[in-house]
N, C-alpha and C. Protein backbone atom coordinates (compact mmCIF):
# COMPACT_ATOMS: atom_id res chain seq x y z
N UNK A 1 20.52 29.51 -6.79
CA UNK A 1 19.93 28.28 -7.33
C UNK A 1 19.95 27.20 -6.24
N UNK A 2 18.87 26.40 -6.17
CA UNK A 2 18.77 25.32 -5.18
C UNK A 2 19.86 24.28 -5.42
N UNK A 3 20.33 23.62 -4.34
CA UNK A 3 21.36 22.60 -4.51
C UNK A 3 20.93 21.51 -5.51
N UNK A 4 21.82 21.17 -6.41
CA UNK A 4 21.61 20.10 -7.40
C UNK A 4 20.49 20.40 -8.39
N UNK A 5 20.04 21.66 -8.50
CA UNK A 5 18.96 21.99 -9.43
C UNK A 5 19.36 21.68 -10.86
N UNK A 6 20.58 22.00 -11.22
CA UNK A 6 21.04 21.74 -12.59
C UNK A 6 21.08 20.24 -12.86
N UNK A 7 21.50 19.46 -11.87
CA UNK A 7 21.55 18.01 -12.04
C UNK A 7 20.14 17.43 -12.21
N UNK A 8 19.16 17.99 -11.49
CA UNK A 8 17.78 17.51 -11.64
C UNK A 8 17.24 17.85 -13.02
N UNK A 9 17.52 19.05 -13.49
CA UNK A 9 17.07 19.43 -14.83
C UNK A 9 17.65 18.49 -15.89
N UNK A 10 18.94 18.18 -15.75
CA UNK A 10 19.58 17.30 -16.72
C UNK A 10 19.01 15.89 -16.62
N UNK A 11 18.76 15.42 -15.39
CA UNK A 11 18.16 14.09 -15.19
C UNK A 11 16.82 14.00 -15.91
N UNK A 12 15.99 15.03 -15.75
CA UNK A 12 14.66 15.01 -16.37
C UNK A 12 14.78 15.01 -17.90
N UNK A 13 15.67 15.83 -18.43
CA UNK A 13 15.82 15.92 -19.87
C UNK A 13 16.39 14.64 -20.47
N UNK A 14 17.51 14.18 -19.93
CA UNK A 14 18.26 13.08 -20.55
C UNK A 14 17.68 11.72 -20.19
N UNK A 15 17.37 11.51 -18.90
CA UNK A 15 16.96 10.19 -18.45
C UNK A 15 15.47 9.93 -18.61
N UNK A 16 14.67 11.00 -18.60
CA UNK A 16 13.22 10.82 -18.61
C UNK A 16 12.58 11.22 -19.94
N UNK A 17 12.69 12.49 -20.29
CA UNK A 17 12.03 12.96 -21.51
C UNK A 17 12.53 12.23 -22.75
N UNK A 18 13.83 12.04 -22.86
CA UNK A 18 14.37 11.39 -24.05
C UNK A 18 14.05 9.91 -24.10
N UNK A 19 13.60 9.34 -22.98
CA UNK A 19 13.18 7.94 -22.97
C UNK A 19 11.68 7.80 -23.08
N UNK A 20 10.97 8.89 -23.22
CA UNK A 20 9.55 8.78 -23.50
C UNK A 20 8.61 9.12 -22.37
N UNK A 21 9.11 9.53 -21.20
CA UNK A 21 8.22 9.98 -20.13
C UNK A 21 7.67 11.35 -20.55
N UNK A 22 6.35 11.47 -20.63
CA UNK A 22 5.73 12.66 -21.21
C UNK A 22 4.85 13.45 -20.25
N UNK A 23 4.32 12.80 -19.23
CA UNK A 23 3.37 13.47 -18.34
C UNK A 23 4.04 14.68 -17.69
N UNK A 24 3.55 15.91 -17.96
CA UNK A 24 4.22 17.09 -17.41
C UNK A 24 4.19 17.15 -15.89
N UNK A 25 3.15 16.59 -15.27
CA UNK A 25 3.09 16.58 -13.81
C UNK A 25 4.16 15.66 -13.23
N UNK A 26 4.39 14.53 -13.86
CA UNK A 26 5.45 13.61 -13.41
C UNK A 26 6.81 14.26 -13.59
N UNK A 27 7.04 14.89 -14.72
CA UNK A 27 8.32 15.54 -14.98
C UNK A 27 8.57 16.66 -13.97
N UNK A 28 7.54 17.42 -13.66
CA UNK A 28 7.67 18.49 -12.66
C UNK A 28 7.99 17.92 -11.28
N UNK A 29 7.33 16.81 -10.93
CA UNK A 29 7.58 16.18 -9.64
C UNK A 29 9.02 15.69 -9.54
N UNK A 30 9.50 15.06 -10.61
CA UNK A 30 10.87 14.55 -10.62
C UNK A 30 11.88 15.71 -10.58
N UNK A 31 11.51 16.82 -11.16
CA UNK A 31 12.39 17.99 -11.17
C UNK A 31 12.43 18.66 -9.80
N UNK A 32 11.36 18.54 -9.04
CA UNK A 32 11.26 19.29 -7.78
C UNK A 32 11.69 18.51 -6.54
N UNK A 33 11.61 17.16 -6.58
CA UNK A 33 11.97 16.38 -5.39
C UNK A 33 13.49 16.25 -5.30
N UNK A 34 14.09 16.65 -4.17
CA UNK A 34 15.54 16.60 -4.02
C UNK A 34 16.05 15.18 -3.75
N UNK A 35 16.32 14.45 -4.81
CA UNK A 35 16.73 13.05 -4.69
C UNK A 35 17.95 12.88 -3.80
N UNK A 36 18.85 13.87 -3.78
CA UNK A 36 20.08 13.74 -2.99
C UNK A 36 19.80 13.62 -1.50
N UNK A 37 18.62 14.07 -1.05
CA UNK A 37 18.28 13.94 0.36
C UNK A 37 17.83 12.52 0.73
N UNK A 38 17.65 11.67 -0.27
CA UNK A 38 17.14 10.32 -0.03
C UNK A 38 18.21 9.23 -0.23
N UNK A 39 19.45 9.64 -0.36
CA UNK A 39 20.56 8.69 -0.46
C UNK A 39 21.54 8.97 0.67
N UNK A 40 22.36 7.99 1.05
CA UNK A 40 23.37 8.23 2.09
C UNK A 40 24.27 9.41 1.71
N UNK A 41 24.73 10.13 2.71
CA UNK A 41 25.51 11.35 2.48
C UNK A 41 26.69 11.09 1.56
N UNK A 42 27.36 9.95 1.73
CA UNK A 42 28.54 9.67 0.92
C UNK A 42 28.21 9.42 -0.55
N UNK A 43 26.93 9.27 -0.88
CA UNK A 43 26.53 9.04 -2.27
C UNK A 43 25.81 10.24 -2.90
N UNK A 44 25.74 11.35 -2.19
CA UNK A 44 24.98 12.49 -2.70
C UNK A 44 25.56 13.04 -4.00
N UNK A 45 26.85 12.90 -4.19
CA UNK A 45 27.46 13.42 -5.41
C UNK A 45 27.05 12.62 -6.65
N UNK A 46 26.49 11.42 -6.45
CA UNK A 46 26.01 10.61 -7.58
C UNK A 46 24.50 10.36 -7.49
N UNK A 47 23.80 11.19 -6.74
CA UNK A 47 22.38 10.96 -6.49
C UNK A 47 21.55 11.00 -7.76
N UNK A 48 22.01 11.74 -8.78
CA UNK A 48 21.22 11.90 -9.99
C UNK A 48 21.75 11.08 -11.15
N UNK A 49 22.56 10.10 -10.85
CA UNK A 49 23.08 9.22 -11.89
C UNK A 49 21.96 8.33 -12.43
N UNK A 50 22.21 7.77 -13.60
CA UNK A 50 21.22 6.95 -14.29
C UNK A 50 21.29 5.51 -13.80
N UNK A 51 20.81 5.26 -12.60
CA UNK A 51 20.84 3.91 -12.06
C UNK A 51 20.39 3.89 -10.62
N UNK A 52 20.16 2.69 -10.07
CA UNK A 52 19.81 2.57 -8.65
C UNK A 52 21.03 2.79 -7.78
N UNK A 53 20.80 3.07 -6.49
CA UNK A 53 21.88 3.25 -5.53
C UNK A 53 21.53 2.50 -4.25
N UNK A 54 22.55 1.98 -3.60
CA UNK A 54 22.33 1.28 -2.33
C UNK A 54 21.94 2.26 -1.23
N UNK A 55 20.96 1.85 -0.41
CA UNK A 55 20.58 2.65 0.76
C UNK A 55 20.79 1.85 2.05
N UNK A 56 21.56 0.75 1.93
CA UNK A 56 21.81 -0.10 3.08
C UNK A 56 20.74 -1.15 3.28
N UNK A 57 21.01 -2.12 4.17
CA UNK A 57 20.06 -3.18 4.50
C UNK A 57 19.68 -4.00 3.27
N UNK A 58 20.60 -4.11 2.30
CA UNK A 58 20.38 -4.85 1.06
C UNK A 58 19.23 -4.29 0.23
N UNK A 59 18.98 -3.00 0.35
CA UNK A 59 17.91 -2.33 -0.38
C UNK A 59 18.50 -1.22 -1.26
N UNK A 60 17.71 -0.76 -2.22
CA UNK A 60 18.17 0.28 -3.14
C UNK A 60 17.12 1.36 -3.32
N UNK A 61 17.57 2.53 -3.76
CA UNK A 61 16.68 3.57 -4.28
C UNK A 61 16.64 3.35 -5.79
N UNK A 62 15.45 3.28 -6.34
CA UNK A 62 15.31 2.89 -7.74
C UNK A 62 15.88 3.94 -8.69
N UNK A 63 16.26 3.50 -9.87
CA UNK A 63 16.69 4.36 -10.96
C UNK A 63 15.64 5.45 -11.22
N UNK A 64 16.05 6.70 -11.42
CA UNK A 64 15.07 7.77 -11.66
C UNK A 64 14.06 7.45 -12.76
N UNK A 65 14.51 6.87 -13.85
CA UNK A 65 13.60 6.55 -14.94
C UNK A 65 12.49 5.60 -14.50
N UNK A 66 12.84 4.61 -13.71
CA UNK A 66 11.84 3.64 -13.24
C UNK A 66 10.82 4.32 -12.32
N UNK A 67 11.30 5.19 -11.43
CA UNK A 67 10.38 5.92 -10.55
C UNK A 67 9.41 6.75 -11.37
N UNK A 68 9.93 7.45 -12.37
CA UNK A 68 9.08 8.29 -13.22
C UNK A 68 8.12 7.46 -14.07
N UNK A 69 8.62 6.36 -14.63
CA UNK A 69 7.76 5.50 -15.45
C UNK A 69 6.60 4.95 -14.64
N UNK A 70 6.90 4.44 -13.44
CA UNK A 70 5.84 3.88 -12.60
C UNK A 70 4.84 4.96 -12.21
N UNK A 71 5.34 6.15 -11.89
CA UNK A 71 4.43 7.25 -11.53
C UNK A 71 3.53 7.60 -12.70
N UNK A 72 4.07 7.63 -13.90
CA UNK A 72 3.27 7.94 -15.08
C UNK A 72 2.22 6.86 -15.34
N UNK A 73 2.61 5.60 -15.17
CA UNK A 73 1.68 4.51 -15.41
C UNK A 73 0.50 4.51 -14.44
N UNK A 74 0.69 5.06 -13.25
CA UNK A 74 -0.38 5.08 -12.25
C UNK A 74 -1.49 6.06 -12.60
N UNK A 75 -1.19 7.05 -13.43
CA UNK A 75 -2.19 8.04 -13.88
C UNK A 75 -2.91 8.71 -12.70
N UNK A 76 -2.14 9.16 -11.73
CA UNK A 76 -2.70 9.77 -10.53
C UNK A 76 -3.33 11.13 -10.81
N UNK A 77 -4.42 11.40 -10.11
CA UNK A 77 -5.08 12.70 -10.15
C UNK A 77 -4.74 13.46 -8.86
N UNK A 78 -4.95 14.76 -8.89
CA UNK A 78 -4.59 15.59 -7.74
C UNK A 78 -5.35 15.21 -6.48
N UNK A 79 -6.56 14.71 -6.62
CA UNK A 79 -7.36 14.31 -5.45
C UNK A 79 -7.25 12.82 -5.15
N UNK A 80 -6.31 12.12 -5.79
CA UNK A 80 -6.19 10.68 -5.64
C UNK A 80 -5.52 10.25 -4.34
N UNK A 81 -5.72 8.97 -4.02
CA UNK A 81 -5.12 8.34 -2.85
C UNK A 81 -4.25 7.19 -3.35
N UNK A 82 -3.00 7.15 -2.88
CA UNK A 82 -2.03 6.18 -3.41
C UNK A 82 -1.41 5.36 -2.29
N UNK A 83 -1.13 4.10 -2.59
CA UNK A 83 -0.37 3.24 -1.69
C UNK A 83 0.99 2.97 -2.33
N UNK A 84 2.04 3.23 -1.57
CA UNK A 84 3.42 2.98 -2.00
C UNK A 84 3.95 1.81 -1.18
N UNK A 85 4.27 0.71 -1.83
CA UNK A 85 4.72 -0.49 -1.13
C UNK A 85 6.23 -0.62 -1.30
N UNK A 86 6.95 -0.63 -0.18
CA UNK A 86 8.41 -0.66 -0.20
C UNK A 86 8.97 0.75 -0.14
N UNK A 87 8.80 1.39 1.01
CA UNK A 87 9.17 2.80 1.17
C UNK A 87 10.64 3.04 0.86
N UNK A 88 11.50 2.13 1.34
CA UNK A 88 12.93 2.35 1.18
C UNK A 88 13.36 3.64 1.85
N UNK A 89 14.02 4.52 1.13
CA UNK A 89 14.46 5.79 1.70
C UNK A 89 13.40 6.88 1.60
N UNK A 90 12.27 6.57 0.94
CA UNK A 90 11.16 7.52 0.86
C UNK A 90 11.08 8.32 -0.42
N UNK A 91 12.01 8.11 -1.36
CA UNK A 91 12.05 8.95 -2.56
C UNK A 91 10.81 8.79 -3.44
N UNK A 92 10.45 7.57 -3.77
CA UNK A 92 9.28 7.36 -4.63
C UNK A 92 8.01 7.91 -3.98
N UNK A 93 7.89 7.74 -2.67
CA UNK A 93 6.73 8.28 -1.96
C UNK A 93 6.68 9.80 -2.10
N UNK A 94 7.85 10.45 -2.02
CA UNK A 94 7.89 11.90 -2.16
C UNK A 94 7.46 12.34 -3.55
N UNK A 95 7.86 11.58 -4.57
CA UNK A 95 7.44 11.90 -5.94
C UNK A 95 5.94 11.71 -6.08
N UNK A 96 5.42 10.58 -5.60
CA UNK A 96 3.98 10.31 -5.71
C UNK A 96 3.16 11.34 -4.96
N UNK A 97 3.70 11.82 -3.83
CA UNK A 97 2.98 12.81 -3.03
C UNK A 97 2.82 14.14 -3.74
N UNK A 98 3.64 14.39 -4.76
CA UNK A 98 3.50 15.60 -5.58
C UNK A 98 2.34 15.47 -6.57
N UNK A 99 1.87 14.24 -6.76
CA UNK A 99 0.89 13.96 -7.81
C UNK A 99 -0.51 13.68 -7.30
N UNK A 100 -0.67 13.53 -5.99
CA UNK A 100 -1.98 13.15 -5.45
C UNK A 100 -2.18 13.78 -4.09
N UNK A 101 -3.36 13.53 -3.52
CA UNK A 101 -3.72 14.16 -2.24
C UNK A 101 -3.03 13.52 -1.06
N UNK A 102 -2.86 12.19 -1.11
CA UNK A 102 -2.27 11.50 0.05
C UNK A 102 -1.61 10.19 -0.38
N UNK A 103 -0.49 9.88 0.27
CA UNK A 103 0.22 8.62 0.05
C UNK A 103 0.36 7.89 1.38
N UNK A 104 -0.04 6.63 1.39
CA UNK A 104 0.31 5.72 2.48
C UNK A 104 1.45 4.85 1.98
N UNK A 105 2.48 4.69 2.78
CA UNK A 105 3.65 3.93 2.35
C UNK A 105 3.98 2.87 3.39
N UNK A 106 4.24 1.64 2.93
CA UNK A 106 4.49 0.52 3.82
C UNK A 106 5.92 0.03 3.61
N UNK A 107 6.66 -0.11 4.71
CA UNK A 107 8.04 -0.61 4.69
C UNK A 107 8.20 -1.67 5.77
N UNK A 108 8.79 -2.81 5.40
CA UNK A 108 8.89 -3.91 6.35
C UNK A 108 10.08 -3.78 7.29
N UNK A 109 11.10 -2.98 6.95
CA UNK A 109 12.30 -2.85 7.77
C UNK A 109 12.20 -1.62 8.68
N UNK A 110 12.15 -1.81 10.00
CA UNK A 110 12.00 -0.67 10.90
C UNK A 110 13.12 0.36 10.74
N UNK A 111 14.32 -0.10 10.43
CA UNK A 111 15.45 0.83 10.28
C UNK A 111 15.19 1.82 9.14
N UNK A 112 14.60 1.34 8.06
CA UNK A 112 14.32 2.21 6.93
C UNK A 112 13.11 3.11 7.16
N UNK A 113 12.18 2.66 7.99
CA UNK A 113 11.02 3.51 8.32
C UNK A 113 11.50 4.82 8.94
N UNK A 114 12.39 4.71 9.92
CA UNK A 114 12.92 5.91 10.57
C UNK A 114 13.70 6.79 9.62
N UNK A 115 14.52 6.16 8.78
CA UNK A 115 15.31 6.92 7.80
C UNK A 115 14.40 7.65 6.83
N UNK A 116 13.39 6.94 6.31
CA UNK A 116 12.48 7.56 5.35
C UNK A 116 11.72 8.73 5.96
N UNK A 117 11.26 8.58 7.18
CA UNK A 117 10.54 9.68 7.82
C UNK A 117 11.42 10.92 7.94
N UNK A 118 12.68 10.72 8.34
CA UNK A 118 13.60 11.85 8.46
C UNK A 118 13.87 12.48 7.10
N UNK A 119 14.04 11.64 6.08
CA UNK A 119 14.29 12.16 4.73
C UNK A 119 13.12 12.99 4.22
N UNK A 120 11.92 12.50 4.46
CA UNK A 120 10.72 13.20 3.98
C UNK A 120 10.52 14.53 4.69
N UNK A 121 10.85 14.57 5.97
CA UNK A 121 10.79 15.84 6.70
C UNK A 121 11.79 16.83 6.10
N UNK A 122 13.02 16.34 5.85
CA UNK A 122 14.05 17.20 5.27
C UNK A 122 13.65 17.72 3.90
N UNK A 123 12.91 16.89 3.14
CA UNK A 123 12.49 17.28 1.79
C UNK A 123 11.22 18.12 1.78
N UNK A 124 10.58 18.27 2.94
CA UNK A 124 9.36 19.07 3.02
C UNK A 124 8.11 18.36 2.58
N UNK A 125 8.14 17.03 2.54
CA UNK A 125 6.96 16.24 2.16
C UNK A 125 6.06 16.08 3.37
N UNK A 126 4.78 16.38 3.19
CA UNK A 126 3.87 16.38 4.34
C UNK A 126 2.70 15.40 4.19
N UNK A 127 2.23 15.14 3.00
CA UNK A 127 1.01 14.35 2.81
C UNK A 127 1.31 12.85 2.64
N UNK A 128 2.17 12.34 3.52
CA UNK A 128 2.60 10.94 3.46
C UNK A 128 2.56 10.35 4.86
N UNK A 129 1.98 9.16 4.99
CA UNK A 129 2.05 8.37 6.22
C UNK A 129 2.89 7.13 5.94
N UNK A 130 3.84 6.83 6.80
CA UNK A 130 4.66 5.63 6.66
C UNK A 130 4.35 4.68 7.79
N UNK A 131 4.09 3.42 7.45
CA UNK A 131 3.83 2.40 8.45
C UNK A 131 4.80 1.25 8.24
N UNK A 132 5.12 0.56 9.31
CA UNK A 132 6.00 -0.60 9.25
C UNK A 132 5.14 -1.86 9.20
N UNK A 133 5.37 -2.68 8.18
CA UNK A 133 4.57 -3.89 8.08
C UNK A 133 4.87 -4.65 6.81
N UNK A 134 4.09 -5.70 6.58
CA UNK A 134 4.22 -6.55 5.41
C UNK A 134 3.48 -5.91 4.24
N UNK A 135 4.23 -5.38 3.29
CA UNK A 135 3.61 -4.69 2.18
C UNK A 135 2.78 -5.57 1.27
N UNK A 136 3.04 -6.89 1.29
CA UNK A 136 2.25 -7.78 0.43
C UNK A 136 0.80 -7.89 0.91
N UNK A 137 0.55 -7.45 2.14
CA UNK A 137 -0.81 -7.40 2.68
C UNK A 137 -1.48 -6.07 2.37
N UNK A 138 -0.72 -5.15 1.76
CA UNK A 138 -1.23 -3.81 1.51
C UNK A 138 -1.36 -3.04 2.80
N UNK A 139 -2.30 -2.11 2.82
CA UNK A 139 -2.59 -1.32 4.02
C UNK A 139 -4.10 -1.07 4.04
N UNK A 140 -4.87 -2.05 4.56
CA UNK A 140 -6.33 -1.98 4.50
C UNK A 140 -6.90 -0.72 5.14
N UNK A 141 -6.20 -0.18 6.14
CA UNK A 141 -6.73 0.99 6.84
C UNK A 141 -6.92 2.19 5.92
N UNK A 142 -6.13 2.26 4.85
CA UNK A 142 -6.24 3.39 3.94
C UNK A 142 -6.98 3.08 2.66
N UNK A 143 -7.38 1.83 2.47
CA UNK A 143 -8.03 1.39 1.23
C UNK A 143 -9.47 1.89 1.16
N UNK A 144 -10.03 1.96 -0.05
CA UNK A 144 -9.44 1.56 -1.34
C UNK A 144 -8.58 2.68 -1.94
N UNK A 145 -7.69 2.29 -2.85
CA UNK A 145 -6.73 3.22 -3.44
C UNK A 145 -6.99 3.44 -4.93
N UNK A 146 -6.68 4.64 -5.36
CA UNK A 146 -6.72 4.94 -6.78
C UNK A 146 -5.52 4.33 -7.50
N UNK A 147 -4.43 4.17 -6.78
CA UNK A 147 -3.21 3.64 -7.38
C UNK A 147 -2.34 2.98 -6.32
N UNK A 148 -1.63 1.93 -6.74
CA UNK A 148 -0.69 1.24 -5.86
C UNK A 148 0.60 1.00 -6.64
N UNK A 149 1.72 1.41 -6.06
CA UNK A 149 3.04 1.20 -6.65
C UNK A 149 3.85 0.27 -5.76
N UNK A 150 4.49 -0.72 -6.36
CA UNK A 150 5.30 -1.69 -5.61
C UNK A 150 6.75 -1.59 -6.09
N UNK A 151 7.66 -1.37 -5.15
CA UNK A 151 9.07 -1.16 -5.49
C UNK A 151 9.93 -2.37 -5.15
N UNK A 152 9.39 -3.56 -5.37
CA UNK A 152 10.14 -4.80 -5.16
C UNK A 152 9.51 -5.89 -6.02
N UNK A 153 10.33 -6.88 -6.39
CA UNK A 153 9.88 -7.89 -7.32
C UNK A 153 9.19 -9.06 -6.65
N UNK A 154 7.95 -9.35 -7.08
CA UNK A 154 7.16 -10.43 -6.50
C UNK A 154 7.10 -11.63 -7.44
N UNK A 155 6.85 -12.84 -6.92
CA UNK A 155 6.69 -14.01 -7.78
C UNK A 155 5.35 -14.03 -8.50
N UNK A 156 4.39 -13.25 -8.00
CA UNK A 156 3.05 -13.15 -8.60
C UNK A 156 2.43 -11.86 -8.06
N UNK A 157 1.33 -11.43 -8.65
CA UNK A 157 0.67 -10.21 -8.18
C UNK A 157 -0.05 -10.52 -6.87
N UNK A 158 0.32 -9.87 -5.77
CA UNK A 158 -0.33 -10.15 -4.49
C UNK A 158 -1.83 -9.84 -4.52
N UNK A 159 -2.63 -10.81 -4.17
CA UNK A 159 -4.08 -10.65 -4.23
C UNK A 159 -4.59 -9.52 -3.34
N UNK A 160 -4.05 -9.34 -2.11
CA UNK A 160 -4.55 -8.24 -1.28
C UNK A 160 -4.39 -6.87 -1.93
N UNK A 161 -3.34 -6.70 -2.72
CA UNK A 161 -3.14 -5.41 -3.38
C UNK A 161 -4.20 -5.19 -4.45
N UNK A 162 -4.51 -6.23 -5.20
CA UNK A 162 -5.58 -6.12 -6.21
C UNK A 162 -6.91 -5.76 -5.54
N UNK A 163 -7.17 -6.40 -4.41
CA UNK A 163 -8.45 -6.19 -3.73
C UNK A 163 -8.57 -4.79 -3.14
N UNK A 164 -7.45 -4.15 -2.87
CA UNK A 164 -7.47 -2.81 -2.26
C UNK A 164 -7.52 -1.68 -3.28
N UNK A 165 -7.57 -2.03 -4.57
CA UNK A 165 -7.75 -1.02 -5.61
C UNK A 165 -9.22 -0.63 -5.73
N UNK A 166 -9.46 0.66 -5.99
CA UNK A 166 -10.80 1.08 -6.37
C UNK A 166 -11.09 0.60 -7.79
N UNK A 167 -12.36 0.38 -8.14
CA UNK A 167 -12.67 0.18 -9.56
C UNK A 167 -12.14 1.37 -10.36
N UNK A 168 -11.42 1.07 -11.41
CA UNK A 168 -10.75 2.11 -12.18
C UNK A 168 -9.32 2.35 -11.73
N UNK A 169 -8.93 1.76 -10.60
CA UNK A 169 -7.59 1.96 -10.06
C UNK A 169 -6.53 1.15 -10.78
N UNK A 170 -5.27 1.52 -10.57
CA UNK A 170 -4.16 0.88 -11.26
C UNK A 170 -3.08 0.47 -10.27
N UNK A 171 -2.56 -0.73 -10.48
CA UNK A 171 -1.47 -1.30 -9.67
C UNK A 171 -0.29 -1.55 -10.59
N UNK A 172 0.90 -1.04 -10.20
CA UNK A 172 2.12 -1.29 -10.94
C UNK A 172 3.06 -2.09 -10.06
N UNK A 173 3.46 -3.28 -10.54
CA UNK A 173 4.25 -4.19 -9.71
C UNK A 173 5.20 -5.02 -10.59
N UNK A 174 6.47 -5.16 -10.19
CA UNK A 174 7.37 -6.07 -10.90
C UNK A 174 7.06 -7.51 -10.51
N UNK A 175 6.92 -8.40 -11.50
CA UNK A 175 6.56 -9.80 -11.23
C UNK A 175 7.44 -10.71 -12.08
N UNK A 176 7.91 -11.80 -11.47
CA UNK A 176 8.69 -12.77 -12.23
C UNK A 176 9.14 -13.93 -11.39
N UNK A 177 9.59 -15.02 -12.03
CA UNK A 177 9.98 -16.23 -11.31
C UNK A 177 11.33 -16.12 -10.62
N UNK A 178 12.07 -15.05 -10.89
CA UNK A 178 13.39 -14.85 -10.30
C UNK A 178 13.32 -13.78 -9.21
N UNK A 179 14.15 -13.92 -8.20
CA UNK A 179 14.22 -12.91 -7.15
C UNK A 179 14.91 -11.63 -7.63
N UNK A 180 15.54 -11.67 -8.77
CA UNK A 180 16.31 -10.51 -9.24
C UNK A 180 15.83 -9.95 -10.59
N UNK A 181 15.13 -10.75 -11.37
CA UNK A 181 14.68 -10.30 -12.68
C UNK A 181 13.17 -10.48 -12.79
N UNK A 182 12.50 -9.42 -13.25
CA UNK A 182 11.04 -9.46 -13.34
C UNK A 182 10.58 -8.75 -14.62
N UNK A 183 9.27 -8.68 -14.78
CA UNK A 183 8.63 -7.88 -15.81
C UNK A 183 7.67 -6.91 -15.12
N UNK A 184 7.63 -5.69 -15.62
CA UNK A 184 6.79 -4.67 -14.99
C UNK A 184 5.34 -4.86 -15.46
N UNK A 185 4.47 -5.12 -14.49
CA UNK A 185 3.07 -5.44 -14.77
C UNK A 185 2.18 -4.30 -14.29
N UNK A 186 1.23 -3.92 -15.15
CA UNK A 186 0.21 -2.94 -14.78
C UNK A 186 -1.12 -3.68 -14.70
N UNK A 187 -1.75 -3.61 -13.53
CA UNK A 187 -3.07 -4.22 -13.32
C UNK A 187 -4.09 -3.10 -13.20
N UNK A 188 -5.11 -3.15 -14.05
CA UNK A 188 -6.17 -2.14 -14.05
C UNK A 188 -7.46 -2.81 -13.57
N UNK A 189 -7.99 -2.32 -12.47
CA UNK A 189 -9.24 -2.90 -11.97
C UNK A 189 -10.42 -2.29 -12.74
N UNK A 190 -11.09 -3.09 -13.52
CA UNK A 190 -12.19 -2.62 -14.35
C UNK A 190 -13.47 -2.48 -13.54
N UNK A 191 -13.72 -3.48 -12.69
CA UNK A 191 -14.90 -3.49 -11.83
C UNK A 191 -14.56 -4.31 -10.60
N UNK A 192 -15.55 -4.59 -9.76
CA UNK A 192 -15.27 -5.31 -8.52
C UNK A 192 -14.55 -6.63 -8.75
N UNK A 193 -14.89 -7.35 -9.79
CA UNK A 193 -14.27 -8.66 -9.99
C UNK A 193 -13.50 -8.81 -11.27
N UNK A 194 -13.27 -7.71 -11.99
CA UNK A 194 -12.63 -7.81 -13.31
C UNK A 194 -11.38 -6.95 -13.37
N UNK A 195 -10.31 -7.54 -13.93
CA UNK A 195 -9.03 -6.86 -14.04
C UNK A 195 -8.46 -7.04 -15.45
N UNK A 196 -7.72 -6.04 -15.89
CA UNK A 196 -6.94 -6.14 -17.11
C UNK A 196 -5.46 -6.00 -16.75
N UNK A 197 -4.61 -6.76 -17.46
CA UNK A 197 -3.18 -6.76 -17.15
C UNK A 197 -2.37 -6.42 -18.39
N UNK A 198 -1.36 -5.58 -18.20
CA UNK A 198 -0.45 -5.21 -19.28
C UNK A 198 0.98 -5.47 -18.84
N UNK A 199 1.80 -6.03 -19.74
CA UNK A 199 3.20 -6.33 -19.45
C UNK A 199 4.07 -5.31 -20.16
N UNK A 200 4.89 -4.58 -19.39
CA UNK A 200 5.73 -3.52 -19.94
C UNK A 200 7.18 -3.97 -20.17
N UNK A 201 7.50 -5.24 -19.89
CA UNK A 201 8.84 -5.73 -20.19
C UNK A 201 9.75 -5.81 -18.98
N UNK A 202 11.00 -6.19 -19.25
CA UNK A 202 11.93 -6.56 -18.20
C UNK A 202 12.42 -5.43 -17.32
N UNK A 203 12.52 -5.73 -16.01
CA UNK A 203 13.06 -4.83 -15.00
C UNK A 203 13.83 -5.67 -13.99
N UNK A 204 14.54 -5.00 -13.08
CA UNK A 204 15.28 -5.72 -12.03
C UNK A 204 15.11 -4.97 -10.70
N UNK A 205 14.42 -5.61 -9.76
CA UNK A 205 14.18 -5.04 -8.44
C UNK A 205 14.68 -6.00 -7.37
N UNK A 206 14.88 -5.48 -6.16
CA UNK A 206 15.16 -6.35 -5.02
C UNK A 206 13.93 -7.20 -4.76
N UNK A 207 14.08 -8.36 -4.09
CA UNK A 207 12.93 -9.24 -3.87
C UNK A 207 11.87 -8.62 -2.96
N UNK A 208 10.63 -8.90 -3.27
CA UNK A 208 9.48 -8.51 -2.46
C UNK A 208 9.23 -9.64 -1.46
N UNK A 209 9.48 -9.38 -0.19
CA UNK A 209 9.36 -10.40 0.85
C UNK A 209 8.07 -10.18 1.63
N UNK A 210 7.28 -11.26 1.79
CA UNK A 210 6.06 -11.13 2.55
C UNK A 210 5.18 -12.35 2.42
N UNK A 211 4.06 -12.32 3.10
CA UNK A 211 3.14 -13.46 3.12
C UNK A 211 2.58 -13.77 1.74
N UNK A 212 2.43 -12.75 0.89
CA UNK A 212 1.92 -12.93 -0.46
C UNK A 212 2.99 -12.61 -1.49
N UNK A 213 4.24 -12.89 -1.13
CA UNK A 213 5.37 -12.64 -2.02
C UNK A 213 6.43 -13.69 -1.75
N UNK A 214 7.70 -13.34 -1.85
CA UNK A 214 8.76 -14.30 -1.57
C UNK A 214 8.89 -14.55 -0.06
N UNK A 215 9.26 -15.78 0.34
CA UNK A 215 9.53 -16.03 1.75
C UNK A 215 10.81 -15.32 2.20
N UNK A 216 10.96 -15.16 3.48
CA UNK A 216 12.11 -14.46 4.04
C UNK A 216 13.42 -15.07 3.60
N UNK A 217 13.50 -16.40 3.59
CA UNK A 217 14.75 -17.09 3.20
C UNK A 217 14.48 -18.05 2.06
């Protein structure tokens, strides 16, 4: 049996299915991605716990349920193109890469870019490009996107991310007036100039820092 396979099965059953995550492709992705490879070695024994974990540099790997929920909300197709904002250790990008053709991922901290690349190689993820930059600007070189996932809390929905969605595309982003508490927002681009927004309720992410997000200090 693969390392931590039993822990992944239990995570999917208890933390995801019992909380309402239903998409079989998302559940399969969460079951197959080795989360323990995306946390510091000293935390691997708790990699599948029901909560976020520190990955250093004041950043975290998100709770498994949140990763799965956001992936489900994006409604990715196998031939889709996705933008992952806030690479962190690379775990969410690895999950999204199981659901679509290609993922571009943007991380502002160079130290985490290197870590994420190494983690993704170790996990066998291939259809992911990681770039270092301001995620609030998106990644125009890969646009337009079928889906965009943001793993940090913004004070408002960054306009460049909305603009980089294809018509019919979906953006999932935590938004709120606090640097620590937000509400999970789904933005659906209906047409070139029309959007629909849905509020999924309270979440807690690290602050989204950038030109179209929170200032550095």
